[in-house]
C-alpha atoms as a PDB file:
ATOM      1  CA  UNK A   1       9.755  -5.129   7.363  1.00  0.00           C
ATOM      2  CA  UNK A   2      11.687  -1.874   6.483  1.00  0.00           C
ATOM      3  CA  UNK A   3       8.743  -1.135   4.096  1.00  0.00           C
ATOM      4  CA  UNK A   4       5.931  -1.787   6.480  1.00  0.00           C
ATOM      5  CA  UNK A   5       7.531   0.063   9.285  1.00  0.00           C
ATOM      6  CA  UNK A   6       8.408   3.093   6.980  1.00  0.00           C
ATOM      7  CA  UNK A   7       4.972   3.011   5.496  1.00  0.00           C
ATOM      8  CA  UNK A   8       3.295   3.217   9.094  1.00  0.00           C
ATOM      9  CA  UNK A   9       5.799   6.079  10.227  1.00  0.00           C
ATOM     10  CA  UNK A  10       5.309   8.155   6.939  1.00  0.00           C
ATOM     11  CA  UNK A  11       1.534   7.722   6.236  1.00  0.00           C
ATOM     12  CA  UNK A  12      -0.404   6.826   9.336  1.00  0.00           C
ATOM     13  CA  UNK A  13      -1.700   9.005  12.258  1.00  0.00           C
ATOM     14  CA  UNK A  14       0.793   8.674  15.289  1.00  0.00           C
ATOM     15  CA  UNK A  15      -1.833   6.907  17.413  1.00  0.00           C
ATOM     16  CA  UNK A  16      -2.183   4.169  14.863  1.00  0.00           C
ATOM     17  CA  UNK A  17       1.372   3.439  13.883  1.00  0.00           C
ATOM     18  CA  UNK A  18       2.854   1.335  16.561  1.00  0.00           C
ATOM     19  CA  UNK A  19      -0.399  -1.073  16.590  1.00  0.00           C
ATOM     20  CA  UNK A  20      -0.057  -1.509  12.857  1.00  0.00           C
ATOM     21  CA  UNK A  21       3.515  -2.361  12.957  1.00  0.00           C
ATOM     22  CA  UNK A  22       3.149  -4.533  15.802  1.00  0.00           C
ATOM     23  CA  UNK A  23       0.434  -6.841  14.442  1.00  0.00           C
ATOM     24  CA  UNK A  24       1.875  -6.894  11.045  1.00  0.00           C
ATOM     25  CA  UNK A  25       5.175  -8.350  12.578  1.00  0.00           C
ATOM     26  CA  UNK A  26       3.131 -11.163  14.452  1.00  0.00           C
ATOM     27  CA  UNK A  27       2.364 -13.861  11.929  1.00  0.00           C
ATOM     28  CA  UNK A  28      -0.842 -14.859  14.256  1.00  0.00           C
ATOM     29  CA  UNK A  29      -2.035 -11.333  14.538  1.00  0.00           C
ATOM     30  CA  UNK A  30      -1.108 -10.065  10.920  1.00  0.00           C
ATOM     31  CA  UNK A  31      -4.450 -11.168   9.451  1.00  0.00           C
ATOM     32  CA  UNK A  32      -6.232  -8.541  11.900  1.00  0.00           C
ATOM     33  CA  UNK A  33      -4.604  -5.652  10.497  1.00  0.00           C
ATOM     34  CA  UNK A  34      -4.800  -7.128   6.938  1.00  0.00           C
ATOM     35  CA  UNK A  35      -8.752  -7.265   7.118  1.00  0.00           C
ATOM     36  CA  UNK A  36      -8.771  -3.796   8.262  1.00  0.00           C
ATOM     37  CA  UNK A  37      -7.277  -2.572   4.925  1.00  0.00           C
ATOM     38  CA  UNK A  38     -10.782  -3.286   3.441  1.00  0.00           C
ATOM     39  CA  UNK A  39     -12.535  -0.145   5.145  1.00  0.00           C
ATOM     40  CA  UNK A  40     -10.474   1.278   7.840  1.00  0.00           C
ATOM     41  CA  UNK A  41      -6.889   2.481   6.769  1.00  0.00           C
ATOM     42  CA  UNK A  42      -6.705   5.671   8.446  1.00  0.00           C
ATOM     43  CA  UNK A  43      -3.913   7.511   6.355  1.00  0.00           C
ATOM     44  CA  UNK A  44      -2.742  10.985   6.827  1.00  0.00           C
ATOM     45  CA  UNK A  45      -4.801  12.911   4.285  1.00  0.00           C
ATOM     46  CA  UNK A  46      -2.081  15.609   3.710  1.00  0.00           C
ATOM     47  CA  UNK A  47      -0.232  12.926   1.938  1.00  0.00           C
ATOM     48  CA  UNK A  48      -3.037  11.117   0.046  1.00  0.00           C
ATOM     49  CA  UNK A  49      -4.275  11.780  -3.430  1.00  0.00           C
ATOM     50  CA  UNK A  50      -7.048   9.817  -5.024  1.00  0.00           C
ATOM     51  CA  UNK A  51      -6.148   8.051  -8.231  1.00  0.00           C
ATOM     52  CA  UNK A  52      -8.216   9.278 -11.177  1.00  0.00           C
ATOM     53  CA  UNK A  53     -10.563   6.296 -12.453  1.00  0.00           C
ATOM     54  CA  UNK A  54      -8.731   6.123 -15.941  1.00  0.00           C
ATOM     55  CA  UNK A  55      -5.362   5.621 -14.101  1.00  0.00           C
ATOM     56  CA  UNK A  56      -6.515   3.217 -11.676  1.00  0.00           C
ATOM     57  CA  UNK A  57      -5.574   0.231 -13.614  1.00  0.00           C
ATOM     58  CA  UNK A  58      -2.434  -1.927 -13.586  1.00  0.00           C
ATOM     59  CA  UNK A  59      -0.566  -0.296 -16.857  1.00  0.00           C
ATOM     60  CA  UNK A  60      -1.620   3.174 -15.871  1.00  0.00           C
ATOM     61  CA  UNK A  61      -0.579   2.735 -12.111  1.00  0.00           C
ATOM     62  CA  UNK A  62       2.847   1.406 -13.164  1.00  0.00           C
ATOM     63  CA  UNK A  63       3.305   4.464 -15.378  1.00  0.00           C
ATOM     64  CA  UNK A  64       2.283   6.726 -12.509  1.00  0.00           C
ATOM     65  CA  UNK A  65       4.328   5.138  -9.852  1.00  0.00           C
ATOM     66  CA  UNK A  66       7.456   5.051 -12.054  1.00  0.00           C
ATOM     67  CA  UNK A  67       7.043   8.683 -12.965  1.00  0.00           C
ATOM     68  CA  UNK A  68       7.000   9.354  -9.341  1.00  0.00           C
ATOM     69  CA  UNK A  69      10.242   7.315  -8.656  1.00  0.00           C
ATOM     70  CA  UNK A  70       9.139   3.811  -8.191  1.00  0.00           C
ATOM     71  CA  UNK A  71      11.823   1.080  -8.961  1.00  0.00           C
ATOM     72  CA  UNK A  72      11.355  -2.340 -10.534  1.00  0.00           C
ATOM     73  CA  UNK A  73       9.862  -3.763  -7.315  1.00  0.00           C
ATOM     74  CA  UNK A  74       7.196  -3.060  -4.666  1.00  0.00           C
ATOM     75  CA  UNK A  75       6.498  -4.687  -1.060  1.00  0.00           C
ATOM     76  CA  UNK A  76       2.776  -6.041  -1.000  1.00  0.00           C
ATOM     77  CA  UNK A  77       0.798  -5.832   2.176  1.00  0.00           C
ATOM     78  CA  UNK A  78      -2.538  -7.672   1.673  1.00  0.00           C
ATOM     79  CA  UNK A  79      -4.469 -10.391   3.221  1.00  0.00           C
ATOM     80  CA  UNK A  80      -5.201 -13.344   0.936  1.00  0.00           C
ATOM     81  CA  UNK A  81      -2.394 -12.746  -1.612  1.00  0.00           C
ATOM     82  CA  UNK A  82       0.511 -14.944  -2.074  1.00  0.00           C
ATOM     83  CA  UNK A  83       2.588 -11.986  -2.262  1.00  0.00           C
ATOM     84  CA  UNK A  84       1.643 -10.550   1.161  1.00  0.00           C
ATOM     85  CA  UNK A  85       4.949  -9.381   2.975  1.00  0.00           C
ATOM     86  CA  UNK A  86       7.102 -10.052  -0.231  1.00  0.00           C
ATOM     87  CA  UNK A  87       8.945  -7.839  -2.594  1.00  0.00           C
ATOM     88  CA  UNK A  88       7.563  -8.351  -6.275  1.00  0.00           C
ATOM     89  CA  UNK A  89       8.202  -6.958  -9.460  1.00  0.00           C
ATOM     90  CA  UNK A  90       6.098  -3.763  -9.795  1.00  0.00           C
ATOM     91  CA  UNK A  91       3.941  -4.918 -12.650  1.00  0.00           C
ATOM     92  CA  UNK A  92       3.187  -8.250 -10.869  1.00  0.00           C
ATOM     93  CA  UNK A  93       2.302  -6.647  -7.557  1.00  0.00           C
ATOM     94  CA  UNK A  94      -0.145  -4.192  -9.214  1.00  0.00           C
ATOM     95  CA  UNK A  95      -1.789  -7.089 -11.173  1.00  0.00           C
ATOM     96  CA  UNK A  96      -2.181  -8.963  -8.085  1.00  0.00           C
ATOM     97  CA  UNK A  97      -3.653  -6.160  -5.971  1.00  0.00           C
ATOM     98  CA  UNK A  98      -5.724  -4.928  -8.790  1.00  0.00           C
ATOM     99  CA  UNK A  99      -7.335  -8.233  -9.580  1.00  0.00           C
ATOM    100  CA  UNK A 100      -7.662  -8.978  -5.739  1.00  0.00           C
ATOM    101  CA  UNK A 101     -10.702  -6.722  -4.870  1.00  0.00           C
ATOM    102  CA  UNK A 102      -9.669  -6.517  -1.170  1.00  0.00           C
ATOM    103  CA  UNK A 103      -7.843  -4.030   0.572  1.00  0.00           C
ATOM    104  CA  UNK A 104      -4.039  -3.703  -0.249  1.00  0.00           C
ATOM    105  CA  UNK A 105      -0.905  -1.586   0.117  1.00  0.00           C
ATOM    106  CA  UNK A 106       1.909  -1.502  -2.298  1.00  0.00           C
ATOM    107  CA  UNK A 107       5.001   0.277  -0.894  1.00  0.00           C
ATOM    108  CA  UNK A 108       7.186   1.475  -3.636  1.00  0.00           C
ATOM    109  CA  UNK A 109       9.789   3.517  -1.838  1.00  0.00           C
ATOM    110  CA  UNK A 110       9.954   3.056   1.919  1.00  0.00           C
ATOM    111  CA  UNK A 111       8.321   5.932   3.881  1.00  0.00           C
ATOM    112  CA  UNK A 112       8.043   7.859   0.441  1.00  0.00           C
ATOM    113  CA  UNK A 113       5.660   6.425  -2.159  1.00  0.00           C
ATOM    114  CA  UNK A 114       2.873   3.977  -1.627  1.00  0.00           C
ATOM    115  CA  UNK A 115      -0.380   3.059  -3.387  1.00  0.00           C
ATOM    116  CA  UNK A 116      -3.431   1.807  -1.074  1.00  0.00           C
ATOM    117  CA  UNK A 117      -6.202   0.157  -2.823  1.00  0.00           C
ATOM    118  CA  UNK A 118      -9.321  -0.164  -0.680  1.00  0.00           C
ATOM    119  CA  UNK A 119     -11.861  -3.038  -1.087  1.00  0.00           C
ATOM    120  CA  UNK A 120     -13.520  -2.768  -4.445  1.00  0.00           C
ATOM    121  CA  UNK A 121     -15.202  -0.615  -5.745  1.00  0.00           C
ATOM    122  CA  UNK A 122     -13.079   2.001  -3.913  1.00  0.00           C
ATOM    123  CA  UNK A 123     -10.882   4.235  -5.473  1.00  0.00           C
ATOM    124  CA  UNK A 124      -7.119   3.781  -5.202  1.00  0.00           C
ATOM    125  CA  UNK A 125      -5.072   6.272  -3.099  1.00  0.00           C
ATOM    126  CA  UNK A 126      -1.692   7.531  -3.859  1.00  0.00           C
ATOM    127  CA  UNK A 127       0.451   8.102  -0.925  1.00  0.00           C
ATOM    128  CA  UNK A 128       3.351  10.447  -1.380  1.00  0.00           C
ATOM    129  CA  UNK A 129       5.878  12.085   0.991  1.00  0.00           C
ATOM    130  CA  UNK A 130       8.384  14.654  -0.735  1.00  0.00           C
ATOM    131  CA  UNK A 131      12.122  13.810  -0.714  1.00  0.00           C
ATOM    132  CA  UNK A 132      13.748  15.246   2.325  1.00  0.00           C
END
């Protein structure tokens, strides 16, 4: 849960953080928050950048994320994916998320670097906080 709590604390408005963390931690209520990723992830715009269309594909996203410091794995937060709440190889996680079509988050560096993919056909969002 380190990735999930760090994601919420770094990239969500303060009034949404506790509920996000609380619902993700409860198996019976997790789906409720995961479904909201399709349309309603209210992230802090100061730390968000839209991924250009030509880079919003697994190969290019992997290059972009690695250039920003991502390691070999990422933590997946997504409804309906086998990889939900698991750490997966970065490439595998990106393939799952990009082919899924529903909202998903890939946390690459806890509280520092993440990729949010809203429900298709929405553009992906890079969420990044500078290193302290």
